[in-house]
Every structure is written in C-alpha cells, then in structure tokens.
Amino acid sequence: MRNSYSYKFKLKAVKDYLEGPFECISVAGKNEMPSVSPLKRWVNAYKTLGPNGLRK
C-alpha cells in the first residue's frame, strides 16, 4: 500500500532537510517515513517548482 502524505507534512519534511544539518535518511526517520525516496522527490520538486511542487 502506498503512503499518502499531506502538503503540510511534505513541506515540513522538506524544510527540515533544507534548513537543518540533517541528511535525507535522518529526516525520513524523524518523520517515521519508511523510505527516503519520497523525500528526495519532494526536495527536487520544491527546488524546481517551489512550494507548489509539493501539491500533488
């Protein structure tokens, strides 16, 4: 089953990664995510499209 994450959750996770000294794996673990893959996609979307890139 695929996890569904809210816009607020995605934005918080991305900001935790971009604003802190943490690696993706640490941020994913802190947010109880089973994988870093979604976080990496969200970071790329955020860098490319800004906050609206997380609204999928």
C-alpha atoms as a PDB file:
ATOM      1  CA  MET A   1       0.000   0.000   0.000  1.00  0.00           C
ATOM      2  CA  ARG A   2       1.290   3.431  -0.906  1.00  0.00           C
ATOM      3  CA  ASN A   3       1.505   6.091   1.792  1.00  0.00           C
ATOM      4  CA  SER A   4      -0.291   9.366   1.241  1.00  0.00           C
ATOM      5  CA  TYR A   5       1.231  12.476   2.774  1.00  0.00           C
ATOM      6  CA  SER A   6      -0.397  15.860   3.242  1.00  0.00           C
ATOM      7  CA  TYR A   7       1.005  19.055   1.791  1.00  0.00           C
ATOM      8  CA  LYS A   8       1.864  20.277   5.318  1.00  0.00           C
ATOM      9  CA  PHE A   9       3.740  17.070   6.098  1.00  0.00           C
ATOM     10  CA  LYS A  10       5.731  17.278   2.850  1.00  0.00           C
ATOM     11  CA  LEU A  11       6.577  20.948   3.382  1.00  0.00           C
ATOM     12  CA  LYS A  12       7.731  20.343   6.958  1.00  0.00           C
ATOM     13  CA  ALA A  13       9.921  17.407   5.924  1.00  0.00           C
ATOM     14  CA  VAL A  14      11.480  19.366   3.043  1.00  0.00           C
ATOM     15  CA  LYS A  15      12.164  22.381   5.259  1.00  0.00           C
ATOM     16  CA  ASP A  16      13.649  20.129   7.962  1.00  0.00           C
ATOM     17  CA  TYR A  17      16.058  18.815   5.339  1.00  0.00           C
ATOM     18  CA  LEU A  18      16.906  22.114   3.628  1.00  0.00           C
ATOM     19  CA  GLU A  19      17.197  24.250   6.768  1.00  0.00           C
ATOM     20  CA  GLY A  20      18.914  21.768   9.037  1.00  0.00           C
ATOM     21  CA  PRO A  21      22.192  19.921   9.107  1.00  0.00           C
ATOM     22  CA  PHE A  22      20.436  16.594   8.511  1.00  0.00           C
ATOM     23  CA  GLU A  23      20.725  14.013   5.749  1.00  0.00           C
ATOM     24  CA  CYS A  24      17.636  12.646   3.992  1.00  0.00           C
ATOM     25  CA  ILE A  25      17.783   9.414   5.965  1.00  0.00           C
ATOM     26  CA  SER A  26      17.725  11.307   9.269  1.00  0.00           C
ATOM     27  CA  VAL A  27      14.789  13.489   8.247  1.00  0.00           C
ATOM     28  CA  ALA A  28      12.873  10.475   6.914  1.00  0.00           C
ATOM     29  CA  GLY A  29      13.474   8.572  10.143  1.00  0.00           C
ATOM     30  CA  LYS A  30      12.493  11.529  12.296  1.00  0.00           C
ATOM     31  CA  ASN A  31       9.211  11.772  10.379  1.00  0.00           C
ATOM     32  CA  GLU A  32       8.626   7.998  10.521  1.00  0.00           C
ATOM     33  CA  MET A  33       8.847   7.568   6.755  1.00  0.00           C
ATOM     34  CA  PRO A  34       9.672   4.011   5.617  1.00  0.00           C
ATOM     35  CA  SER A  35      11.849   5.275   2.740  1.00  0.00           C
ATOM     36  CA  VAL A  36      13.867   8.335   1.716  1.00  0.00           C
ATOM     37  CA  SER A  37      12.658   8.159  -1.904  1.00  0.00           C
ATOM     38  CA  PRO A  38       9.571  10.350  -1.433  1.00  0.00           C
ATOM     39  CA  LEU A  39      11.593  12.931   0.481  1.00  0.00           C
ATOM     40  CA  LYS A  40      14.171  13.118  -2.309  1.00  0.00           C
ATOM     41  CA  ARG A  41      11.379  13.621  -4.876  1.00  0.00           C
ATOM     42  CA  TRP A  42       9.790  16.326  -2.728  1.00  0.00           C
ATOM     43  CA  VAL A  43      13.104  18.159  -2.298  1.00  0.00           C
ATOM     44  CA  ASN A  44      13.670  18.122  -6.069  1.00  0.00           C
ATOM     45  CA  ALA A  45      10.103  19.308  -6.715  1.00  0.00           C
ATOM     46  CA  TYR A  46      10.478  22.062  -4.117  1.00  0.00           C
ATOM     47  CA  LYS A  47      13.778  23.248  -5.602  1.00  0.00           C
ATOM     48  CA  THR A  48      12.309  23.238  -9.116  1.00  0.00           C
ATOM     49  CA  LEU A  49       8.760  24.494  -8.572  1.00  0.00           C
ATOM     50  CA  GLY A  50       8.757  25.954  -5.084  1.00  0.00           C
ATOM     51  CA  PRO A  51       6.098  25.041  -2.514  1.00  0.00           C
ATOM     52  CA  ASN A  52       3.505  24.350  -5.230  1.00  0.00           C
ATOM     53  CA  GLY A  53       5.654  21.446  -6.397  1.00  0.00           C
ATOM     54  CA  LEU A  54       4.538  19.574  -3.277  1.00  0.00           C
ATOM     55  CA  ARG A  55       0.821  19.823  -4.077  1.00  0.00           C
ATOM     56  CA  LYS A  56       0.406  16.507  -5.909  1.00  0.00           C
END
